[in-house]
């Protein structure tokens, strides 16, 4: 099951409020459509499938590593052509208390 569409993709569908609980090791990825709609020289968009594949391959990594992997994947696909739309990406990693204390 692919779940619901990302926020704002289906304009006619009413928004519903949901509550989510995160556990240690979970990741939250927020991004603008400029990343998935980034196009290569032939006009082909990067797309959800490539975005999801990159997340599956790097989802175990740190937030910074996930961010770098996603942005690198988009840049390679577009061959560094300037974006036609804004490209916003936020990656949040939920760590457990013991891990945060070990890092501090």
PDB file of N, CA and C in Angstrom:
ATOM      1  N   UNK A   1       0.838  -1.186   0.000  1.00  0.00           N
ATOM      2  CA  UNK A   1       0.000   0.000   0.000  1.00  0.00           C
ATOM      3  C   UNK A   1       0.879   1.244   0.000  1.00  0.00           C
ATOM      4  N   UNK A   2       0.646   2.135  -0.937  1.00  0.00           N
ATOM      5  CA  UNK A   2       1.461   3.339  -1.065  1.00  0.00           C
ATOM      6  C   UNK A   2       1.010   4.434  -0.113  1.00  0.00           C
ATOM      7  N   UNK A   3      -0.150   4.316   0.496  1.00  0.00           N
ATOM      8  CA  UNK A   3      -0.615   5.343   1.415  1.00  0.00           C
ATOM      9  C   UNK A   3      -1.178   6.532   0.669  1.00  0.00           C
ATOM     10  N   UNK A   4      -1.488   7.594   1.398  1.00  0.00           N
ATOM     11  CA  UNK A   4      -2.083   8.773   0.771  1.00  0.00           C
ATOM     12  C   UNK A   4      -1.061   9.561  -0.038  1.00  0.00           C
ATOM     13  N   UNK A   5      -1.573  10.409  -0.906  1.00  0.00           N
ATOM     14  CA  UNK A   5      -0.703  11.284  -1.694  1.00  0.00           C
ATOM     15  C   UNK A   5      -0.048  12.306  -0.773  1.00  0.00           C
ATOM     16  N   UNK A   6       1.108  12.827  -1.157  1.00  0.00           N
ATOM     17  CA  UNK A   6       1.756  13.882  -0.369  1.00  0.00           C
ATOM     18  C   UNK A   6       0.861  15.113  -0.254  1.00  0.00           C
ATOM     19  N   UNK A   7       1.053  15.876   0.788  1.00  0.00           N
ATOM     20  CA  UNK A   7       0.276  17.075   1.056  1.00  0.00           C
ATOM     21  C   UNK A   7       0.317  18.031  -0.131  1.00  0.00           C
ATOM     22  N   UNK A   8      -0.851  18.449  -0.604  1.00  0.00           N
ATOM     23  CA  UNK A   8      -0.930  19.425  -1.673  1.00  0.00           C
ATOM     24  C   UNK A   8      -0.904  18.871  -3.082  1.00  0.00           C
ATOM     25  N   UNK A   9      -0.682  17.572  -3.258  1.00  0.00           N
ATOM     26  CA  UNK A   9      -0.603  17.000  -4.601  1.00  0.00           C
ATOM     27  C   UNK A   9      -1.984  16.928  -5.249  1.00  0.00           C
ATOM     28  N   UNK A  10      -2.971  16.557  -4.479  1.00  0.00           N
ATOM     29  CA  UNK A  10      -4.338  16.475  -5.002  1.00  0.00           C
ATOM     30  C   UNK A  10      -5.127  17.656  -4.447  1.00  0.00           C
ATOM     31  N   UNK A  11      -5.250  18.686  -5.237  1.00  0.00           N
ATOM     32  CA  UNK A  11      -5.813  19.959  -4.777  1.00  0.00           C
ATOM     33  C   UNK A  11      -7.272  19.870  -4.365  1.00  0.00           C
ATOM     34  N   UNK A  12      -8.040  19.005  -4.938  1.00  0.00           N
ATOM     35  CA  UNK A  12      -9.480  18.952  -4.650  1.00  0.00           C
ATOM     36  C   UNK A  12      -9.801  18.140  -3.410  1.00  0.00           C
ATOM     37  N   UNK A  13      -8.873  17.370  -2.945  1.00  0.00           N
ATOM     38  CA  UNK A  13      -9.123  16.547  -1.766  1.00  0.00           C
ATOM     39  C   UNK A  13      -8.993  17.409  -0.511  1.00  0.00           C
ATOM     40  N   UNK A  14      -9.994  17.369   0.362  1.00  0.00           N
ATOM     41  CA  UNK A  14      -9.920  18.200   1.574  1.00  0.00           C
ATOM     42  C   UNK A  14      -8.803  17.711   2.508  1.00  0.00           C
ATOM     43  N   UNK A  15      -8.229  18.653   3.224  1.00  0.00           N
ATOM     44  CA  UNK A  15      -7.180  18.310   4.174  1.00  0.00           C
ATOM     45  C   UNK A  15      -7.810  17.733   5.431  1.00  0.00           C
ATOM     46  N   UNK A  16      -7.144  16.750   5.982  1.00  0.00           N
ATOM     47  CA  UNK A  16      -7.577  16.159   7.238  1.00  0.00           C
ATOM     48  C   UNK A  16      -6.414  16.211   8.205  1.00  0.00           C
ATOM     49  N   UNK A  17      -6.718  16.410   9.460  1.00  0.00           N
ATOM     50  CA  UNK A  17      -5.679  16.467  10.481  1.00  0.00           C
ATOM     51  C   UNK A  17      -5.393  15.065  10.995  1.00  0.00           C
ATOM     52  N   UNK A  18      -4.110  14.756  11.123  1.00  0.00           N
ATOM     53  CA  UNK A  18      -3.674  13.464  11.640  1.00  0.00           C
ATOM     54  C   UNK A  18      -2.614  13.697  12.705  1.00  0.00           C
ATOM     55  N   UNK A  19      -2.521  12.777  13.616  1.00  0.00           N
ATOM     56  CA  UNK A  19      -1.469  12.811  14.622  1.00  0.00           C
ATOM     57  C   UNK A  19      -0.546  11.632  14.366  1.00  0.00           C
ATOM     58  N   UNK A  20       0.744  11.887  14.424  1.00  0.00           N
ATOM     59  CA  UNK A  20       1.723  10.819  14.210  1.00  0.00           C
ATOM     60  C   UNK A  20       2.672  10.793  15.398  1.00  0.00           C
ATOM     61  N   UNK A  21       3.005   9.599  15.827  1.00  0.00           N
ATOM     62  CA  UNK A  21       3.992   9.438  16.891  1.00  0.00           C
ATOM     63  C   UNK A  21       5.259   8.883  16.270  1.00  0.00           C
ATOM     64  N   UNK A  22       6.379   9.472  16.643  1.00  0.00           N
ATOM     65  CA  UNK A  22       7.656   9.038  16.112  1.00  0.00           C
ATOM     66  C   UNK A  22       8.441   8.312  17.184  1.00  0.00           C
ATOM     67  N   UNK A  23       9.185   7.321  16.749  1.00  0.00           N
ATOM     68  CA  UNK A  23      10.023   6.535  17.652  1.00  0.00           C
ATOM     69  C   UNK A  23      11.484   6.744  17.278  1.00  0.00           C
ATOM     70  N   UNK A  24      12.357   6.331  18.158  1.00  0.00           N
ATOM     71  CA  UNK A  24      13.792   6.430  17.881  1.00  0.00           C
ATOM     72  C   UNK A  24      14.092   5.719  16.563  1.00  0.00           C
ATOM     73  N   UNK A  25      14.870   6.385  15.725  1.00  0.00           N
ATOM     74  CA  UNK A  25      15.242   5.814  14.433  1.00  0.00           C
ATOM     75  C   UNK A  25      14.330   6.229  13.293  1.00  0.00           C
ATOM     76  N   UNK A  26      13.167   6.829  13.587  1.00  0.00           N
ATOM     77  CA  UNK A  26      12.268   7.280  12.531  1.00  0.00           C
ATOM     78  C   UNK A  26      12.840   8.513  11.848  1.00  0.00           C
ATOM     79  N   UNK A  27      12.414   8.721  10.604  1.00  0.00           N
ATOM     80  CA  UNK A  27      12.819   9.886   9.835  1.00  0.00           C
ATOM     81  C   UNK A  27      11.563  10.561   9.283  1.00  0.00           C
ATOM     82  N   UNK A  28      11.590  11.874   9.233  1.00  0.00           N
ATOM     83  CA  UNK A  28      10.509  12.655   8.639  1.00  0.00           C
ATOM     84  C   UNK A  28      11.125  13.461   7.506  1.00  0.00           C
ATOM     85  N   UNK A  29      10.591  13.291   6.290  1.00  0.00           N
ATOM     86  CA  UNK A  29      11.121  13.965   5.114  1.00  0.00           C
ATOM     87  C   UNK A  29      10.040  14.910   4.580  1.00  0.00           C
ATOM     88  N   UNK A  30      10.356  16.194   4.516  1.00  0.00           N
ATOM     89  CA  UNK A  30       9.449  17.196   3.959  1.00  0.00           C
ATOM     90  C   UNK A  30      10.150  17.813   2.754  1.00  0.00           C
ATOM     91  N   UNK A  31       9.430  17.926   1.634  1.00  0.00           N
ATOM     92  CA  UNK A  31      10.068  18.439   0.426  1.00  0.00           C
ATOM     93  C   UNK A  31       9.053  19.145  -0.450  1.00  0.00           C
ATOM     94  N   UNK A  32       9.551  20.046  -1.273  1.00  0.00           N
ATOM     95  CA  UNK A  32       8.680  20.739  -2.220  1.00  0.00           C
ATOM     96  C   UNK A  32       8.661  19.988  -3.546  1.00  0.00           C
ATOM     97  N   UNK A  33       7.665  20.296  -4.351  1.00  0.00           N
ATOM     98  CA  UNK A  33       7.524  19.609  -5.639  1.00  0.00           C
ATOM     99  C   UNK A  33       8.659  19.920  -6.605  1.00  0.00           C
ATOM    100  N   UNK A  34       9.438  20.961  -6.325  1.00  0.00           N
ATOM    101  CA  UNK A  34      10.564  21.290  -7.193  1.00  0.00           C
ATOM    102  C   UNK A  34      11.597  20.181  -7.266  1.00  0.00           C
ATOM    103  N   UNK A  35      11.677  19.341  -6.241  1.00  0.00           N
ATOM    104  CA  UNK A  35      12.626  18.215  -6.277  1.00  0.00           C
ATOM    105  C   UNK A  35      12.122  17.096  -7.171  1.00  0.00           C
ATOM    106  N   UNK A  36      10.879  16.705  -7.005  1.00  0.00           N
ATOM    107  CA  UNK A  36      10.375  15.589  -7.811  1.00  0.00           C
ATOM    108  C   UNK A  36      10.055  16.002  -9.238  1.00  0.00           C
ATOM    109  N   UNK A  37       9.854  17.303  -9.458  1.00  0.00           N
ATOM    110  CA  UNK A  37       9.570  17.793 -10.805  1.00  0.00           C
ATOM    111  C   UNK A  37      10.819  18.304 -11.528  1.00  0.00           C
ATOM    112  N   UNK A  38      11.985  18.188 -10.906  1.00  0.00           N
ATOM    113  CA  UNK A  38      13.236  18.580 -11.567  1.00  0.00           C
ATOM    114  C   UNK A  38      13.408  17.719 -12.812  1.00  0.00           C
ATOM    115  N   UNK A  39      13.773  18.333 -13.937  1.00  0.00           N
ATOM    116  CA  UNK A  39      13.830  17.611 -15.206  1.00  0.00           C
ATOM    117  C   UNK A  39      15.252  17.461 -15.727  1.00  0.00           C
ATOM    118  N   UNK A  40      15.451  16.392 -16.500  1.00  0.00           N
ATOM    119  CA  UNK A  40      16.743  16.185 -17.154  1.00  0.00           C
ATOM    120  C   UNK A  40      16.742  16.912 -18.502  1.00  0.00           C
ATOM    121  N   UNK A  41      17.775  16.708 -19.287  1.00  0.00           N
ATOM    122  CA  UNK A  41      17.903  17.405 -20.577  1.00  0.00           C
ATOM    123  C   UNK A  41      16.793  17.039 -21.561  1.00  0.00           C
ATOM    124  N   UNK A  42      16.159  15.886 -21.379  1.00  0.00           N
ATOM    125  CA  UNK A  42      15.079  15.455 -22.267  1.00  0.00           C
ATOM    126  C   UNK A  42      13.705  15.865 -21.757  1.00  0.00           C
ATOM    127  N   UNK A  43      13.663  16.558 -20.603  1.00  0.00           N
ATOM    128  CA  UNK A  43      12.391  16.995 -20.036  1.00  0.00           C
ATOM    129  C   UNK A  43      11.713  15.966 -19.160  1.00  0.00           C
ATOM    130  N   UNK A  44      12.402  14.856 -18.864  1.00  0.00           N
ATOM    131  CA  UNK A  44      11.821  13.824 -18.005  1.00  0.00           C
ATOM    132  C   UNK A  44      11.971  14.250 -16.543  1.00  0.00           C
ATOM    133  N   UNK A  45      10.876  14.196 -15.756  1.00  0.00           N
ATOM    134  CA  UNK A  45      10.973  14.585 -14.352  1.00  0.00           C
ATOM    135  C   UNK A  45      11.666  13.525 -13.500  1.00  0.00           C
ATOM    136  N   UNK A  46      12.306  13.982 -12.436  1.00  0.00           N
ATOM    137  CA  UNK A  46      12.952  13.084 -11.481  1.00  0.00           C
ATOM    138  C   UNK A  46      11.927  12.103 -10.925  1.00  0.00           C
ATOM    139  N   UNK A  47      10.790  12.567 -10.495  1.00  0.00           N
ATOM    140  CA  UNK A  47       9.652  11.724 -10.126  1.00  0.00           C
ATOM    141  C   UNK A  47       9.682  11.122  -8.732  1.00  0.00           C
ATOM    142  N   UNK A  48       8.500  10.666  -8.309  1.00  0.00           N
ATOM    143  CA  UNK A  48       8.331  10.032  -7.001  1.00  0.00           C
ATOM    144  C   UNK A  48       9.144   8.745  -6.892  1.00  0.00           C
ATOM    145  N   UNK A  49       9.181   7.958  -7.974  1.00  0.00           N
ATOM    146  CA  UNK A  49       9.839   6.651  -7.909  1.00  0.00           C
ATOM    147  C   UNK A  49      11.331   6.789  -7.602  1.00  0.00           C
ATOM    148  N   UNK A  50      12.015   7.686  -8.278  1.00  0.00           N
ATOM    149  CA  UNK A  50      13.444   7.893  -8.009  1.00  0.00           C
ATOM    150  C   UNK A  50      13.653   8.448  -6.602  1.00  0.00           C
ATOM    151  N   UNK A  51      12.777   9.371  -6.208  1.00  0.00           N
ATOM    152  CA  UNK A  51      12.859   9.954  -4.872  1.00  0.00           C
ATOM    153  C   UNK A  51      12.711   8.854  -3.814  1.00  0.00           C
ATOM    154  N   UNK A  52      11.689   8.018  -3.962  1.00  0.00           N
ATOM    155  CA  UNK A  52      11.448   6.926  -3.012  1.00  0.00           C
ATOM    156  C   UNK A  52      12.577   5.901  -3.029  1.00  0.00           C
ATOM    157  N   UNK A  53      13.119   5.604  -4.210  1.00  0.00           N
ATOM    158  CA  UNK A  53      14.226   4.650  -4.303  1.00  0.00           C
ATOM    159  C   UNK A  53      15.436   5.164  -3.519  1.00  0.00           C
ATOM    160  N   UNK A  54      15.727   6.446  -3.658  1.00  0.00           N
ATOM    161  CA  UNK A  54      16.846   7.042  -2.925  1.00  0.00           C
ATOM    162  C   UNK A  54      16.590   6.965  -1.425  1.00  0.00           C
ATOM    163  N   UNK A  55      15.362   7.227  -1.009  1.00  0.00           N
ATOM    164  CA  UNK A  55      15.031   7.127   0.422  1.00  0.00           C
ATOM    165  C   UNK A  55      15.176   5.704   0.934  1.00  0.00           C
ATOM    166  N   UNK A  56      14.731   4.727   0.155  1.00  0.00           N
ATOM    167  CA  UNK A  56      14.869   3.329   0.589  1.00  0.00           C
ATOM    168  C   UNK A  56      16.338   2.942   0.720  1.00  0.00           C
ATOM    169  N   UNK A  57      17.172   3.428  -0.185  1.00  0.00           N
ATOM    170  CA  UNK A  57      18.594   3.093  -0.162  1.00  0.00           C
ATOM    171  C   UNK A  57      19.340   3.772   0.982  1.00  0.00           C
ATOM    172  N   UNK A  58      18.886   4.951   1.410  1.00  0.00           N
ATOM    173  CA  UNK A  58      19.625   5.731   2.404  1.00  0.00           C
ATOM    174  C   UNK A  58      18.817   6.025   3.664  1.00  0.00           C
ATOM    175  N   UNK A  59      17.643   5.457   3.798  1.00  0.00           N
ATOM    176  CA  UNK A  59      16.761   5.754   4.923  1.00  0.00           C
ATOM    177  C   UNK A  59      17.327   5.413   6.283  1.00  0.00           C
ATOM    178  N   UNK A  60      18.303   4.540   6.343  1.00  0.00           N
ATOM    179  CA  UNK A  60      18.932   4.144   7.604  1.00  0.00           C
ATOM    180  C   UNK A  60      19.996   5.145   8.056  1.00  0.00           C
ATOM    181  N   UNK A  61      20.379   6.047   7.166  1.00  0.00           N
ATOM    182  CA  UNK A  61      21.486   6.972   7.424  1.00  0.00           C
ATOM    183  C   UNK A  61      21.037   8.135   8.314  1.00  0.00           C
ATOM    184  N   UNK A  62      21.971   9.009   8.633  1.00  0.00           N
ATOM    185  CA  UNK A  62      21.652  10.196   9.413  1.00  0.00           C
ATOM    186  C   UNK A  62      20.846  11.170   8.555  1.00  0.00           C
ATOM    187  N   UNK A  63      20.224  12.145   9.196  1.00  0.00           N
ATOM    188  CA  UNK A  63      19.455  13.149   8.469  1.00  0.00           C
ATOM    189  C   UNK A  63      20.332  13.868   7.455  1.00  0.00           C
ATOM    190  N   UNK A  64      21.539  14.229   7.844  1.00  0.00           N
ATOM    191  CA  UNK A  64      22.457  14.936   6.944  1.00  0.00           C
ATOM    192  C   UNK A  64      22.823  14.064   5.741  1.00  0.00           C
ATOM    193  N   UNK A  65      23.071  12.775   5.971  1.00  0.00           N
ATOM    194  CA  UNK A  65      23.426  11.860   4.873  1.00  0.00           C
ATOM    195  C   UNK A  65      22.244  11.642   3.927  1.00  0.00           C
ATOM    196  N   UNK A  66      21.041  11.553   4.483  1.00  0.00           N
ATOM    197  CA  UNK A  66      19.845  11.408   3.643  1.00  0.00           C
ATOM    198  C   UNK A  66      19.673  12.649   2.772  1.00  0.00           C
ATOM    199  N   UNK A  67      19.828  13.823   3.385  1.00  0.00           N
ATOM    200  CA  UNK A  67      19.705  15.080   2.642  1.00  0.00           C
ATOM    201  C   UNK A  67      20.717  15.119   1.501  1.00  0.00           C
ATOM    202  N   UNK A  68      21.960  14.800   1.797  1.00  0.00           N
ATOM    203  CA  UNK A  68      23.003  14.817   0.766  1.00  0.00           C
ATOM    204  C   UNK A  68      22.700  13.809  -0.341  1.00  0.00           C
ATOM    205  N   UNK A  69      22.241  12.613   0.015  1.00  0.00           N
ATOM    206  CA  UNK A  69      21.939  11.584  -0.980  1.00  0.00           C
ATOM    207  C   UNK A  69      20.809  12.030  -1.905  1.00  0.00           C
ATOM    208  N   UNK A  70      19.758  12.621  -1.342  1.00  0.00           N
ATOM    209  CA  UNK A  70      18.640  13.081  -2.161  1.00  0.00           C
ATOM    210  C   UNK A  70      19.065  14.208  -3.099  1.00  0.00           C
ATOM    211  N   UNK A  71      19.756  15.197  -2.553  1.00  0.00           N
ATOM    212  CA  UNK A  71      20.168  16.328  -3.384  1.00  0.00           C
ATOM    213  C   UNK A  71      21.174  15.904  -4.455  1.00  0.00           C
ATOM    214  N   UNK A  72      22.081  14.995  -4.111  1.00  0.00           N
ATOM    215  CA  UNK A  72      23.047  14.486  -5.085  1.00  0.00           C
ATOM    216  C   UNK A  72      22.341  13.716  -6.191  1.00  0.00           C
ATOM    217  N   UNK A  73      21.365  12.913  -5.819  1.00  0.00           N
ATOM    218  CA  UNK A  73      20.616  12.136  -6.804  1.00  0.00           C
ATOM    219  C   UNK A  73      19.883  13.047  -7.784  1.00  0.00           C
ATOM    220  N   UNK A  74      19.260  14.107  -7.268  1.00  0.00           N
ATOM    221  CA  UNK A  74      18.568  15.052  -8.140  1.00  0.00           C
ATOM    222  C   UNK A  74      19.574  15.767  -9.039  1.00  0.00           C
ATOM    223  N   UNK A  75      20.703  16.199  -8.481  1.00  0.00           N
ATOM    224  CA  UNK A  75      21.715  16.915  -9.278  1.00  0.00           C
ATOM    225  C   UNK A  75      22.283  16.032 -10.387  1.00  0.00           C
ATOM    226  N   UNK A  76      22.562  14.763 -10.073  1.00  0.00           N
ATOM    227  CA  UNK A  76      23.077  13.850 -11.099  1.00  0.00           C
ATOM    228  C   UNK A  76      22.048  13.648 -12.201  1.00  0.00           C
ATOM    229  N   UNK A  77      20.801  13.485 -11.813  1.00  0.00           N
ATOM    230  CA  UNK A  77      19.735  13.261 -12.785  1.00  0.00           C
ATOM    231  C   UNK A  77      19.579  14.455 -13.709  1.00  0.00           C
ATOM    232  N   UNK A  78      19.629  15.665 -13.154  1.00  0.00           N
ATOM    233  CA  UNK A  78      19.425  16.881 -13.954  1.00  0.00           C
ATOM    234  C   UNK A  78      20.716  17.389 -14.575  1.00  0.00           C
ATOM    235  N   UNK A  79      21.819  16.710 -14.285  1.00  0.00           N
ATOM    236  CA  UNK A  79      23.142  17.121 -14.777  1.00  0.00           C
ATOM    237  C   UNK A  79      23.448  18.564 -14.396  1.00  0.00           C
ATOM    238  N   UNK A  80      23.091  18.898 -13.136  1.00  0.00           N
ATOM    239  CA  UNK A  80      23.356  20.210 -12.545  1.00  0.00           C
ATOM    240  C   UNK A  80      22.684  21.374 -13.263  1.00  0.00           C
ATOM    241  N   UNK A  81      21.672  21.109 -14.064  1.00  0.00           N
ATOM    242  CA  UNK A  81      20.970  22.224 -14.716  1.00  0.00           C
ATOM    243  C   UNK A  81      20.236  23.027 -13.639  1.00  0.00           C
ATOM    244  N   UNK A  82      20.115  24.320 -13.805  1.00  0.00           N
ATOM    245  CA  UNK A  82      19.457  25.151 -12.794  1.00  0.00           C
ATOM    246  C   UNK A  82      18.003  24.729 -12.595  1.00  0.00           C
ATOM    247  N   UNK A  83      17.535  24.719 -11.354  1.00  0.00           N
ATOM    248  CA  UNK A  83      16.143  24.323 -11.107  1.00  0.00           C
ATOM    249  C   UNK A  83      15.159  25.329 -11.695  1.00  0.00           C
ATOM    250  N   UNK A  84      14.020  24.815 -12.154  1.00  0.00           N
ATOM    251  CA  UNK A  84      12.966  25.669 -12.698  1.00  0.00           C
ATOM    252  C   UNK A  84      11.971  26.073 -11.620  1.00  0.00           C
ATOM    253  N   UNK A  85      12.070  25.451 -10.457  1.00  0.00           N
ATOM    254  CA  UNK A  85      11.155  25.710  -9.348  1.00  0.00           C
ATOM    255  C   UNK A  85      11.976  25.640  -8.059  1.00  0.00           C
ATOM    256  N   UNK A  86      11.387  26.138  -6.961  1.00  0.00           N
ATOM    257  CA  UNK A  86      12.109  26.051  -5.695  1.00  0.00           C
ATOM    258  C   UNK A  86      12.326  24.587  -5.322  1.00  0.00           C
ATOM    259  N   UNK A  87      13.417  24.317  -4.652  1.00  0.00           N
ATOM    260  CA  UNK A  87      13.732  22.966  -4.195  1.00  0.00           C
ATOM    261  C   UNK A  87      14.009  23.038  -2.699  1.00  0.00           C
ATOM    262  N   UNK A  88      13.007  22.639  -1.927  1.00  0.00           N
ATOM    263  CA  UNK A  88      13.093  22.693  -0.482  1.00  0.00           C
ATOM    264  C   UNK A  88      13.098  21.280   0.070  1.00  0.00           C
ATOM    265  N   UNK A  89      13.985  21.022   1.021  1.00  0.00           N
ATOM    266  CA  UNK A  89      14.096  19.691   1.624  1.00  0.00           C
ATOM    267  C   UNK A  89      14.415  19.839   3.104  1.00  0.00           C
ATOM    268  N   UNK A  90      13.624  19.165   3.935  1.00  0.00           N
ATOM    269  CA  UNK A  90      13.861  19.119   5.374  1.00  0.00           C
ATOM    270  C   UNK A  90      13.879  17.645   5.769  1.00  0.00           C
ATOM    271  N   UNK A  91      14.949  17.212   6.439  1.00  0.00           N
ATOM    272  CA  UNK A  91      15.058  15.834   6.902  1.00  0.00           C
ATOM    273  C   UNK A  91      15.228  15.881   8.414  1.00  0.00           C
ATOM    274  N   UNK A  92      14.306  15.240   9.136  1.00  0.00           N
ATOM    275  CA  UNK A  92      14.343  15.207  10.592  1.00  0.00           C
ATOM    276  C   UNK A  92      14.575  13.777  11.028  1.00  0.00           C
ATOM    277  N   UNK A  93      15.526  13.593  11.929  1.00  0.00           N
ATOM    278  CA  UNK A  93      15.831  12.264  12.466  1.00  0.00           C
ATOM    279  C   UNK A  93      15.447  12.253  13.937  1.00  0.00           C
ATOM    280  N   UNK A  94      14.698  11.253  14.334  1.00  0.00           N
ATOM    281  CA  UNK A  94      14.298  11.102  15.732  1.00  0.00           C
ATOM    282  C   UNK A  94      15.227  10.100  16.390  1.00  0.00           C
ATOM    283  N   UNK A  95      16.036  10.580  17.330  1.00  0.00           N
ATOM    284  CA  UNK A  95      16.999   9.739  18.030  1.00  0.00           C
ATOM    285  C   UNK A  95      16.505   9.470  19.440  1.00  0.00           C
ATOM    286  N   UNK A  96      16.973   8.377  20.024  1.00  0.00           N
ATOM    287  CA  UNK A  96      16.577   8.111  21.401  1.00  0.00           C
ATOM    288  C   UNK A  96      17.467   8.910  22.355  1.00  0.00           C
ATOM    289  N   UNK A  97      17.039   9.039  23.585  1.00  0.00           N
ATOM    290  CA  UNK A  97      17.728   9.850  24.592  1.00  0.00           C
ATOM    291  C   UNK A  97      19.142   9.384  24.827  1.00  0.00           C
ATOM    292  N   UNK A  98      19.395   8.077  24.880  1.00  0.00           N
ATOM    293  CA  UNK A  98      20.740   7.561  25.137  1.00  0.00           C
ATOM    294  C   UNK A  98      21.689   7.959  24.016  1.00  0.00           C
ATOM    295  N   UNK A  99      21.192   7.916  22.764  1.00  0.00           N
ATOM    296  CA  UNK A  99      22.036   8.286  21.633  1.00  0.00           C
ATOM    297  C   UNK A  99      22.377   9.772  21.685  1.00  0.00           C
ATOM    298  N   UNK A 100      21.408  10.625  22.048  1.00  0.00           N
ATOM    299  CA  UNK A 100      21.671  12.063  22.145  1.00  0.00           C
ATOM    300  C   UNK A 100      22.694  12.359  23.230  1.00  0.00           C
ATOM    301  N   UNK A 101      22.610  11.652  24.354  1.00  0.00           N
ATOM    302  CA  UNK A 101      23.559  11.867  25.443  1.00  0.00           C
ATOM    303  C   UNK A 101      24.967  11.416  25.025  1.00  0.00           C
ATOM    304  N   UNK A 102      25.055  10.348  24.243  1.00  0.00           N
ATOM    305  CA  UNK A 102      26.349   9.853  23.803  1.00  0.00           C
ATOM    306  C   UNK A 102      27.011  10.846  22.841  1.00  0.00           C
ATOM    307  N   UNK A 103      26.191  11.534  22.062  1.00  0.00           N
ATOM    308  CA  UNK A 103      26.720  12.509  21.098  1.00  0.00           C
ATOM    309  C   UNK A 103      27.153  13.789  21.809  1.00  0.00           C
ATOM    310  N   UNK A 104      26.433  14.188  22.827  1.00  0.00           N
ATOM    311  CA  UNK A 104      26.688  15.474  23.519  1.00  0.00           C
ATOM    312  C   UNK A 104      28.011  15.519  24.227  1.00  0.00           C
TER     313      UNK A 104
END
